[in-house]
Amino acid sequence: MRDLRAALELAKYFEHQELDYSRALYWTQAAGGFVETSSMQRHQMRKTQMGLTRREQRLLRLIQTKGEKGQNG
């Protein structure tokens, strides 16, 4: 569970502080792997996975529009 939380916090940090969307995507996907091996209850696991999926989709859109490091144009 700690690995999941750490990966999620790193994903948030790279997305919002560093604007490094590729690294944020990496940590989001790593968090998804931790969810699959966690001992969470099924409901919490689904909720967490849905949030990670939304984050991943948003990051992919940001990478397409702004580039990997959040550069415009």
Protein backbone atom coordinates (compact mmCIF):
# COMPACT_ATOMS: atom_id res chain seq x y z
CA MET A 1 0.00 0.00 0.00
CA ARG A 2 2.88 2.37 0.71
CA ASP A 3 4.30 1.78 -2.77
CA LEU A 4 0.93 2.67 -4.27
CA ARG A 5 0.70 5.89 -2.28
CA ALA A 6 4.29 6.83 -3.10
CA ALA A 7 3.77 6.23 -6.82
CA LEU A 8 0.56 8.25 -6.80
CA GLU A 9 2.21 11.16 -4.99
CA LEU A 10 5.10 11.10 -7.46
CA ALA A 11 2.61 11.12 -10.35
CA LYS A 12 0.89 14.17 -8.86
CA TYR A 13 4.21 15.92 -8.22
CA PHE A 14 5.49 15.43 -11.76
CA GLU A 15 2.15 16.44 -13.26
CA HIS A 16 1.50 19.57 -11.23
CA GLN A 17 4.89 20.80 -10.00
CA GLU A 18 7.39 19.77 -12.66
CA LEU A 19 4.91 19.68 -15.56
CA ASP A 20 6.73 16.55 -16.70
CA TYR A 21 3.81 14.61 -18.08
CA SER A 22 5.83 11.62 -19.27
CA ARG A 23 7.25 10.99 -15.82
CA ALA A 24 3.80 11.57 -14.30
CA LEU A 25 2.42 8.98 -16.72
CA TYR A 26 5.18 6.54 -15.75
CA TRP A 27 4.32 6.85 -12.04
CA THR A 28 0.59 6.65 -12.76
CA GLN A 29 1.12 3.38 -14.60
CA ALA A 30 3.40 2.11 -11.82
CA ALA A 31 0.64 2.91 -9.32
CA GLY A 32 -1.73 0.85 -11.44
CA GLY A 33 0.59 -2.12 -11.08
CA PHE A 34 0.62 -1.70 -7.33
CA VAL A 35 -3.18 -1.64 -7.24
CA GLU A 36 -3.29 -5.04 -8.90
CA THR A 37 -1.05 -6.57 -6.23
CA SER A 38 -2.53 -4.74 -3.24
CA SER A 39 -4.68 -6.21 -0.53
CA MET A 40 -7.40 -3.57 -0.95
CA GLN A 41 -11.04 -4.47 -0.86
CA ARG A 42 -12.55 -4.94 -4.30
CA HIS A 43 -14.63 -1.73 -4.14
CA GLN A 44 -11.64 0.41 -3.15
CA MET A 45 -9.48 -1.25 -5.78
CA ARG A 46 -12.00 -0.42 -8.53
CA LYS A 47 -12.35 3.18 -7.32
CA THR A 48 -8.57 3.64 -7.25
CA GLN A 49 -8.15 2.05 -10.66
CA MET A 50 -10.83 4.33 -12.14
CA GLY A 51 -9.03 7.38 -10.77
CA LEU A 52 -5.74 6.18 -12.19
CA THR A 53 -7.37 5.58 -15.57
CA ARG A 54 -8.73 9.14 -15.60
CA ARG A 55 -5.30 10.49 -14.66
CA GLU A 56 -3.63 8.42 -17.37
CA GLN A 57 -6.08 9.63 -20.03
CA ARG A 58 -5.59 13.25 -18.94
CA LEU A 59 -1.80 12.86 -19.05
CA LEU A 60 -1.94 11.33 -22.52
CA ARG A 61 -4.02 14.31 -23.72
CA LEU A 62 -1.57 16.74 -22.12
CA ILE A 63 1.38 15.01 -23.75
CA GLN A 64 -0.36 15.28 -27.12
CA THR A 65 -1.24 18.96 -26.73
CA LYS A 66 1.63 20.37 -24.67
CA GLY A 67 4.44 17.89 -25.10
CA GLU A 68 6.20 15.69 -22.61
CA LYS A 69 7.53 18.53 -20.47
CA GLY A 70 4.49 20.79 -20.72
CA GLN A 71 5.85 23.02 -23.45
CA ASN A 72 3.38 25.05 -25.48
CA GLY A 73 3.58 24.91 -29.25
